[in-house]
Amino acid sequence: MFSSSSYLLTAFWLMLGIVALLWTIPCGAVAGWGVKRGISFRTTFLVSIFLSPLAGIIFVWIARPAPANAALTQTVSRG
């Protein structure tokens, strides 16, 4: 009923889908970290998806450092 080429084609697309998931999930995580650091999700995600998640990590790490005393300025109120 099915030829061996159709099984190979199905296996190819299944593996491609798995690889795509294993590539985009870390890219999304890096983009989420970039949002916390003040960089847009789209920019960080695109850098990560086209280069690599490791390049996205380096981009977020270098692009804009987190404020050193952000927690301190949020808790101190002058009144």
N, C-alpha and C. Protein backbone atom coordinates (compact mmCIF):
# COMPACT_ATOMS: atom_id res chain seq x y z
N MET A 1 0.82 -1.18 0.00
CA MET A 1 0.00 0.00 0.00
C MET A 1 0.87 1.26 0.00
N PHE A 2 1.81 1.38 0.92
CA PHE A 2 2.72 2.51 0.94
C PHE A 2 4.09 2.04 0.46
N SER A 3 4.75 2.89 -0.28
CA SER A 3 6.08 2.53 -0.75
C SER A 3 7.13 2.96 0.27
N SER A 4 8.33 2.48 0.10
CA SER A 4 9.38 2.83 1.04
C SER A 4 9.74 4.30 0.95
N SER A 5 9.54 4.91 -0.22
CA SER A 5 9.84 6.34 -0.34
C SER A 5 8.86 7.19 0.47
N SER A 6 7.62 6.76 0.58
CA SER A 6 6.68 7.53 1.39
C SER A 6 7.02 7.42 2.88
N TYR A 7 7.52 6.27 3.30
CA TYR A 7 7.96 6.14 4.69
C TYR A 7 9.18 7.04 4.95
N LEU A 8 10.08 7.09 4.01
CA LEU A 8 11.25 7.95 4.16
C LEU A 8 10.85 9.42 4.19
N LEU A 9 9.91 9.79 3.37
CA LEU A 9 9.44 11.17 3.35
C LEU A 9 8.75 11.53 4.66
N THR A 10 7.96 10.62 5.18
CA THR A 10 7.30 10.85 6.46
C THR A 10 8.32 10.97 7.58
N ALA A 11 9.31 10.11 7.58
CA ALA A 11 10.36 10.17 8.60
C ALA A 11 11.15 11.47 8.49
N PHE A 12 11.41 11.92 7.27
CA PHE A 12 12.13 13.17 7.07
C PHE A 12 11.36 14.35 7.67
N TRP A 13 10.05 14.46 7.36
CA TRP A 13 9.27 15.58 7.86
C TRP A 13 9.08 15.51 9.38
N LEU A 14 8.99 14.31 9.91
CA LEU A 14 8.88 14.16 11.35
C LEU A 14 10.16 14.62 12.05
N MET A 15 11.30 14.22 11.51
CA MET A 15 12.58 14.66 12.08
C MET A 15 12.76 16.16 11.92
N LEU A 16 12.34 16.72 10.80
CA LEU A 16 12.45 18.16 10.59
C LEU A 16 11.60 18.93 11.60
N GLY A 17 10.41 18.43 11.89
CA GLY A 17 9.56 19.06 12.89
C GLY A 17 10.16 19.01 14.28
N ILE A 18 10.75 17.88 14.63
CA ILE A 18 11.39 17.74 15.94
C ILE A 18 12.57 18.69 16.07
N VAL A 19 13.38 18.75 15.03
CA VAL A 19 14.54 19.65 15.05
C VAL A 19 14.08 21.11 15.13
N ALA A 20 13.01 21.45 14.43
CA ALA A 20 12.49 22.82 14.48
C ALA A 20 12.03 23.17 15.89
N LEU A 21 11.37 22.24 16.57
CA LEU A 21 10.97 22.49 17.95
C LEU A 21 12.17 22.62 18.88
N LEU A 22 13.15 21.74 18.68
CA LEU A 22 14.34 21.80 19.53
C LEU A 22 15.17 23.05 19.27
N TRP A 23 14.96 23.71 18.14
CA TRP A 23 15.67 24.95 17.83
C TRP A 23 14.90 26.18 18.34
N THR A 24 13.57 26.18 18.18
CA THR A 24 12.81 27.38 18.52
C THR A 24 12.51 27.52 20.01
N ILE A 25 12.44 26.44 20.74
CA ILE A 25 12.16 26.54 22.18
C ILE A 25 13.28 27.28 22.91
N PRO A 26 14.56 26.95 22.70
CA PRO A 26 15.61 27.75 23.34
C PRO A 26 15.65 29.20 22.84
N CYS A 27 15.29 29.41 21.57
CA CYS A 27 15.25 30.78 21.05
C CYS A 27 14.19 31.60 21.77
N GLY A 28 13.06 31.00 22.04
CA GLY A 28 12.01 31.68 22.79
C GLY A 28 12.42 31.97 24.23
N ALA A 29 13.14 31.03 24.83
CA ALA A 29 13.61 31.25 26.20
C ALA A 29 14.63 32.39 26.24
N VAL A 30 15.51 32.44 25.28
CA VAL A 30 16.50 33.53 25.23
C VAL A 30 15.80 34.86 24.98
N ALA A 31 14.78 34.87 24.12
CA ALA A 31 14.04 36.09 23.85
C ALA A 31 13.28 36.56 25.10
N GLY A 32 12.76 35.63 25.88
CA GLY A 32 12.12 35.99 27.14
C GLY A 32 13.10 36.61 28.12
N TRP A 33 14.30 36.09 28.16
CA TRP A 33 15.35 36.67 29.01
C TRP A 33 15.71 38.07 28.51
N GLY A 34 15.72 38.25 27.18
CA GLY A 34 16.02 39.56 26.61
C GLY A 34 14.97 40.59 26.99
N VAL A 35 13.71 40.18 27.07
CA VAL A 35 12.64 41.10 27.47
C VAL A 35 12.88 41.56 28.90
N LYS A 36 13.30 40.67 29.77
CA LYS A 36 13.59 41.05 31.16
C LYS A 36 14.76 42.03 31.24
N ARG A 37 15.65 41.96 30.26
CA ARG A 37 16.80 42.86 30.23
C ARG A 37 16.53 44.15 29.47
N GLY A 38 15.33 44.31 28.90
CA GLY A 38 14.96 45.55 28.23
C GLY A 38 15.14 45.54 26.72
N ILE A 39 15.24 44.38 26.10
CA ILE A 39 15.37 44.26 24.65
C ILE A 39 14.08 43.64 24.13
N SER A 40 13.64 44.06 22.96
CA SER A 40 12.36 43.56 22.45
C SER A 40 12.44 42.06 22.16
N PHE A 41 11.31 41.40 22.34
CA PHE A 41 11.23 39.95 22.12
C PHE A 41 11.55 39.62 20.68
N ARG A 42 10.99 40.39 19.75
CA ARG A 42 11.16 40.11 18.33
C ARG A 42 12.63 40.19 17.90
N THR A 43 13.32 41.22 18.36
CA THR A 43 14.73 41.38 17.98
C THR A 43 15.58 40.21 18.48
N THR A 44 15.42 39.88 19.73
CA THR A 44 16.22 38.80 20.30
C THR A 44 15.85 37.45 19.68
N PHE A 45 14.57 37.23 19.43
CA PHE A 45 14.14 35.97 18.83
C PHE A 45 14.70 35.83 17.42
N LEU A 46 14.66 36.90 16.63
CA LEU A 46 15.18 36.82 15.28
C LEU A 46 16.68 36.59 15.24
N VAL A 47 17.42 37.23 16.15
CA VAL A 47 18.86 36.96 16.24
C VAL A 47 19.10 35.51 16.60
N SER A 48 18.33 35.00 17.54
CA SER A 48 18.51 33.62 17.98
C SER A 48 18.11 32.62 16.91
N ILE A 49 17.02 32.88 16.20
CA ILE A 49 16.53 31.89 15.24
C ILE A 49 17.41 31.83 14.00
N PHE A 50 17.94 32.98 13.56
CA PHE A 50 18.75 32.98 12.34
C PHE A 50 20.20 32.64 12.60
N LEU A 51 20.73 33.00 13.74
CA LEU A 51 22.13 32.67 14.04
C LEU A 51 22.20 31.40 14.87
N SER A 52 21.88 31.50 16.14
CA SER A 52 21.77 30.34 17.02
C SER A 52 21.32 30.84 18.38
N PRO A 53 20.77 29.96 19.22
CA PRO A 53 20.43 30.40 20.57
C PRO A 53 21.65 30.90 21.36
N LEU A 54 22.81 30.31 21.10
CA LEU A 54 24.03 30.79 21.76
C LEU A 54 24.36 32.22 21.34
N ALA A 55 24.19 32.54 20.06
CA ALA A 55 24.41 33.91 19.60
C ALA A 55 23.39 34.85 20.23
N GLY A 56 22.16 34.38 20.44
CA GLY A 56 21.16 35.19 21.11
C GLY A 56 21.53 35.48 22.55
N ILE A 57 22.08 34.48 23.23
CA ILE A 57 22.54 34.69 24.61
C ILE A 57 23.65 35.74 24.65
N ILE A 58 24.58 35.63 23.74
CA ILE A 58 25.68 36.61 23.68
C ILE A 58 25.13 38.00 23.36
N PHE A 59 24.17 38.07 22.43
CA PHE A 59 23.56 39.34 22.07
C PHE A 59 22.89 40.00 23.27
N VAL A 60 22.11 39.23 24.02
CA VAL A 60 21.43 39.78 25.20
C VAL A 60 22.44 40.18 26.26
N TRP A 61 23.46 39.40 26.42
CA TRP A 61 24.47 39.68 27.44
C TRP A 61 25.25 40.95 27.13
N ILE A 62 25.51 41.20 25.85
CA ILE A 62 26.31 42.35 25.45
C ILE A 62 25.46 43.59 25.19
N ALA A 63 24.26 43.43 24.64
CA ALA A 63 23.48 44.54 24.11
C ALA A 63 23.14 45.60 25.16
N ARG A 64 22.53 45.21 26.24
CA ARG A 64 22.10 46.19 27.22
C ARG A 64 22.17 45.58 28.61
N PRO A 65 23.11 46.01 29.41
CA PRO A 65 23.22 45.42 30.75
C PRO A 65 22.02 45.81 31.62
N ALA A 66 21.66 44.92 32.50
CA ALA A 66 20.59 45.19 33.44
C ALA A 66 21.05 46.27 34.42
N PRO A 67 20.15 47.15 34.85
CA PRO A 67 20.54 48.17 35.83
C PRO A 67 21.02 47.52 37.12
N ALA A 68 22.09 48.06 37.66
CA ALA A 68 22.73 47.44 38.83
C ALA A 68 21.84 47.52 40.07
N ASN A 69 21.16 48.61 40.24
CA ASN A 69 20.36 48.77 41.46
C ASN A 69 18.89 48.99 41.13
N ALA A 70 18.36 48.21 40.20
CA ALA A 70 16.95 48.35 39.81
C ALA A 70 16.03 47.96 40.96
N ALA A 71 16.38 46.91 41.69
CA ALA A 71 15.54 46.49 42.81
C ALA A 71 15.59 47.52 43.93
N LEU A 72 16.71 48.16 44.11
CA LEU A 72 16.85 49.16 45.16
C LEU A 72 16.01 50.39 44.85
N THR A 73 15.98 50.83 43.62
CA THR A 73 15.21 52.01 43.26
C THR A 73 13.72 51.75 43.31
N GLN A 74 13.30 50.51 43.15
CA GLN A 74 11.87 50.21 43.21
C GLN A 74 11.38 50.14 44.64
N THR A 75 12.23 49.75 45.58
CA THR A 75 11.79 49.59 46.96
C THR A 75 11.90 50.86 47.77
N VAL A 76 12.76 51.77 47.38
CA VAL A 76 12.96 53.00 48.15
C VAL A 76 11.97 54.04 47.64
N SER A 77 11.18 54.59 48.54
CA SER A 77 10.26 55.65 48.15
C SER A 77 10.59 56.91 48.95
N ARG A 78 10.60 57.99 48.24
CA ARG A 78 10.89 59.27 48.89
C ARG A 78 9.57 59.97 49.15
N GLY A 79 9.33 60.26 50.36
CA GLY A 79 8.03 60.86 50.62
C GLY A 79 8.13 61.84 51.66
